PDB file of N, CA and C in Angstrom:
ATOM      1  N   UNK A   1      26.413  42.039  24.972  1.00  0.00           N
ATOM      2  CA  UNK A   1      25.416  42.393  25.965  1.00  0.00           C
ATOM      3  C   UNK A   1      25.142  41.232  26.908  1.00  0.00           C
ATOM      4  N   UNK A   2      25.441  40.030  26.489  1.00  0.00           N
ATOM      5  CA  UNK A   2      25.225  38.860  27.337  1.00  0.00           C
ATOM      6  C   UNK A   2      26.073  38.935  28.613  1.00  0.00           C
ATOM      7  N   UNK A   3      27.332  39.340  28.482  1.00  0.00           N
ATOM      8  CA  UNK A   3      28.198  39.490  29.661  1.00  0.00           C
ATOM      9  C   UNK A   3      27.664  40.567  30.584  1.00  0.00           C
ATOM     10  N   UNK A   4      27.165  41.650  30.001  1.00  0.00           N
ATOM     11  CA  UNK A   4      26.589  42.760  30.768  1.00  0.00           C
ATOM     12  C   UNK A   4      25.396  42.264  31.582  1.00  0.00           C
ATOM     13  N   UNK A   5      24.506  41.543  30.934  1.00  0.00           N
ATOM     14  CA  UNK A   5      23.308  41.024  31.603  1.00  0.00           C
ATOM     15  C   UNK A   5      23.688  40.071  32.742  1.00  0.00           C
ATOM     16  N   UNK A   6      24.628  39.209  32.493  1.00  0.00           N
ATOM     17  CA  UNK A   6      25.049  38.256  33.525  1.00  0.00           C
ATOM     18  C   UNK A   6      25.688  38.982  34.713  1.00  0.00           C
ATOM     19  N   UNK A   7      26.488  39.985  34.435  1.00  0.00           N
ATOM     20  CA  UNK A   7      27.116  40.754  35.508  1.00  0.00           C
ATOM     21  C   UNK A   7      26.064  41.453  36.361  1.00  0.00           C
ATOM     22  N   UNK A   8      25.050  42.005  35.721  1.00  0.00           N
ATOM     23  CA  UNK A   8      24.033  42.751  36.463  1.00  0.00           C
ATOM     24  C   UNK A   8      22.998  41.875  37.157  1.00  0.00           C
ATOM     25  N   UNK A   9      22.835  40.640  36.721  1.00  0.00           N
ATOM     26  CA  UNK A   9      21.826  39.781  37.336  1.00  0.00           C
ATOM     27  C   UNK A   9      22.408  38.703  38.245  1.00  0.00           C
ATOM     28  N   UNK A  10      23.632  38.264  37.938  1.00  0.00           N
ATOM     29  CA  UNK A  10      24.246  37.198  38.721  1.00  0.00           C
ATOM     30  C   UNK A  10      25.503  37.642  39.452  1.00  0.00           C
ATOM     31  N   UNK A  11      26.026  38.808  39.079  1.00  0.00           N
ATOM     32  CA  UNK A  11      27.247  39.307  39.710  1.00  0.00           C
ATOM     33  C   UNK A  11      28.493  38.562  39.278  1.00  0.00           C
ATOM     34  N   UNK A  12      28.457  37.986  38.074  1.00  0.00           N
ATOM     35  CA  UNK A  12      29.586  37.208  37.580  1.00  0.00           C
ATOM     36  C   UNK A  12      30.224  37.929  36.397  1.00  0.00           C
ATOM     37  N   UNK A  13      31.523  38.130  36.471  1.00  0.00           N
ATOM     38  CA  UNK A  13      32.273  38.784  35.408  1.00  0.00           C
ATOM     39  C   UNK A  13      32.539  37.804  34.266  1.00  0.00           C
ATOM     40  N   UNK A  14      32.888  38.313  33.081  1.00  0.00           N
ATOM     41  CA  UNK A  14      33.168  37.419  31.946  1.00  0.00           C
ATOM     42  C   UNK A  14      34.241  36.374  32.236  1.00  0.00           C
ATOM     43  N   UNK A  15      35.185  36.686  33.130  1.00  0.00           N
ATOM     44  CA  UNK A  15      36.236  35.710  33.457  1.00  0.00           C
ATOM     45  C   UNK A  15      35.801  34.697  34.512  1.00  0.00           C
ATOM     46  N   UNK A  16      34.535  34.800  34.968  1.00  0.00           N
ATOM     47  CA  UNK A  16      33.995  33.835  35.924  1.00  0.00           C
ATOM     48  C   UNK A  16      34.085  34.245  37.379  1.00  0.00           C
ATOM     49  N   UNK A  17      34.766  35.334  37.674  1.00  0.00           N
ATOM     50  CA  UNK A  17      34.863  35.801  39.056  1.00  0.00           C
ATOM     51  C   UNK A  17      33.575  36.499  39.474  1.00  0.00           C
ATOM     52  N   UNK A  18      33.227  36.335  40.755  1.00  0.00           N
ATOM     53  CA  UNK A  18      32.044  36.997  41.282  1.00  0.00           C
ATOM     54  C   UNK A  18      32.409  38.383  41.789  1.00  0.00           C
ATOM     55  N   UNK A  19      31.584  39.361  41.436  1.00  0.00           N
ATOM     56  CA  UNK A  19      31.815  40.728  41.891  1.00  0.00           C
ATOM     57  C   UNK A  19      31.432  40.853  43.363  1.00  0.00           C
ATOM     58  N   UNK A  20      32.175  41.661  44.078  1.00  0.00           N
ATOM     59  CA  UNK A  20      31.860  41.915  45.481  1.00  0.00           C
ATOM     60  C   UNK A  20      30.770  42.974  45.551  1.00  0.00           C
ATOM     61  N   UNK A  21      29.783  42.741  46.393  1.00  0.00           N
ATOM     62  CA  UNK A  21      28.640  43.644  46.480  1.00  0.00           C
ATOM     63  C   UNK A  21      29.037  45.063  46.877  1.00  0.00           C
ATOM     64  N   UNK A  22      30.106  45.220  47.632  1.00  0.00           N
ATOM     65  CA  UNK A  22      30.502  46.579  48.018  1.00  0.00           C
ATOM     66  C   UNK A  22      31.100  47.363  46.854  1.00  0.00           C
ATOM     67  N   UNK A  23      31.497  46.663  45.786  1.00  0.00           N
ATOM     68  CA  UNK A  23      32.033  47.338  44.597  1.00  0.00           C
ATOM     69  C   UNK A  23      30.968  47.521  43.522  1.00  0.00           C
ATOM     70  N   UNK A  24      30.068  46.580  43.425  1.00  0.00           N
ATOM     71  CA  UNK A  24      28.993  46.651  42.433  1.00  0.00           C
ATOM     72  C   UNK A  24      27.754  45.996  43.028  1.00  0.00           C
ATOM     73  N   UNK A  25      26.728  46.789  43.344  1.00  0.00           N
ATOM     74  CA  UNK A  25      25.528  46.229  43.986  1.00  0.00           C
ATOM     75  C   UNK A  25      24.647  45.458  42.992  1.00  0.00           C
ATOM     76  N   UNK A  26      25.176  44.360  42.484  1.00  0.00           N
ATOM     77  CA  UNK A  26      24.455  43.608  41.460  1.00  0.00           C
ATOM     78  C   UNK A  26      23.157  43.005  41.992  1.00  0.00           C
ATOM     79  N   UNK A  27      23.052  42.840  43.303  1.00  0.00           N
ATOM     80  CA  UNK A  27      21.785  42.335  43.841  1.00  0.00           C
ATOM     81  C   UNK A  27      20.665  43.347  43.629  1.00  0.00           C
ATOM     82  N   UNK A  28      21.007  44.627  43.567  1.00  0.00           N
ATOM     83  CA  UNK A  28      20.022  45.678  43.288  1.00  0.00           C
ATOM     84  C   UNK A  28      19.684  45.681  41.798  1.00  0.00           C
ATOM     85  N   UNK A  29      20.694  45.609  40.944  1.00  0.00           N
ATOM     86  CA  UNK A  29      20.429  45.630  39.502  1.00  0.00           C
ATOM     87  C   UNK A  29      19.719  44.353  39.050  1.00  0.00           C
ATOM     88  N   UNK A  30      19.904  43.272  39.783  1.00  0.00           N
ATOM     89  CA  UNK A  30      19.196  42.028  39.446  1.00  0.00           C
ATOM     90  C   UNK A  30      17.694  42.190  39.645  1.00  0.00           C
ATOM     91  N   UNK A  31      17.295  43.078  40.543  1.00  0.00           N
ATOM     92  CA  UNK A  31      15.874  43.304  40.802  1.00  0.00           C
ATOM     93  C   UNK A  31      15.229  44.217  39.760  1.00  0.00           C
ATOM     94  N   UNK A  32      16.043  44.848  38.921  1.00  0.00           N
ATOM     95  CA  UNK A  32      15.513  45.715  37.868  1.00  0.00           C
ATOM     96  C   UNK A  32      14.833  44.869  36.795  1.00  0.00           C
ATOM     97  N   UNK A  33      13.981  45.526  36.035  1.00  0.00           N
ATOM     98  CA  UNK A  33      13.371  44.830  34.900  1.00  0.00           C
ATOM     99  C   UNK A  33      14.411  44.737  33.776  1.00  0.00           C
ATOM    100  N   UNK A  34      14.147  43.866  32.838  1.00  0.00           N
ATOM    101  CA  UNK A  34      15.049  43.729  31.689  1.00  0.00           C
ATOM    102  C   UNK A  34      15.137  45.050  30.925  1.00  0.00           C
ATOM    103  N   UNK A  35      14.020  45.736  30.793  1.00  0.00           N
ATOM    104  CA  UNK A  35      13.998  47.025  30.093  1.00  0.00           C
ATOM    105  C   UNK A  35      14.881  48.052  30.813  1.00  0.00           C
ATOM    106  N   UNK A  36      14.822  48.097  32.134  1.00  0.00           N
ATOM    107  CA  UNK A  36      15.663  49.033  32.890  1.00  0.00           C
ATOM    108  C   UNK A  36      17.145  48.750  32.661  1.00  0.00           C
ATOM    109  N   UNK A  37      17.510  47.459  32.627  1.00  0.00           N
ATOM    110  CA  UNK A  37      18.906  47.114  32.377  1.00  0.00           C
ATOM    111  C   UNK A  37      19.318  47.455  30.949  1.00  0.00           C
ATOM    112  N   UNK A  38      18.406  47.272  29.993  1.00  0.00           N
ATOM    113  CA  UNK A  38      18.690  47.633  28.602  1.00  0.00           C
ATOM    114  C   UNK A  38      18.938  49.131  28.467  1.00  0.00           C
ATOM    115  N   UNK A  39      18.170  49.937  29.195  1.00  0.00           N
ATOM    116  CA  UNK A  39      18.344  51.380  29.149  1.00  0.00           C
ATOM    117  C   UNK A  39      19.726  51.752  29.679  1.00  0.00           C
ATOM    118  N   UNK A  40      20.193  51.056  30.696  1.00  0.00           N
ATOM    119  CA  UNK A  40      21.533  51.307  31.229  1.00  0.00           C
ATOM    120  C   UNK A  40      22.600  50.983  30.188  1.00  0.00           C
ATOM    121  N   UNK A  41      22.358  49.955  29.389  1.00  0.00           N
ATOM    122  CA  UNK A  41      23.319  49.521  28.368  1.00  0.00           C
ATOM    123  C   UNK A  41      23.522  50.630  27.370  1.00  0.00           C
TER     124      UNK A  41
END
């Protein structure tokens, strides 16, 4: 779940690459509460 949280809050994949916002709007998921992200998990 740590990789999931980092991807959704920082936009960084487990291999260290940054996700492109047009493919995954991580800036939006970063604004979610921790509980909202847990529910997605």
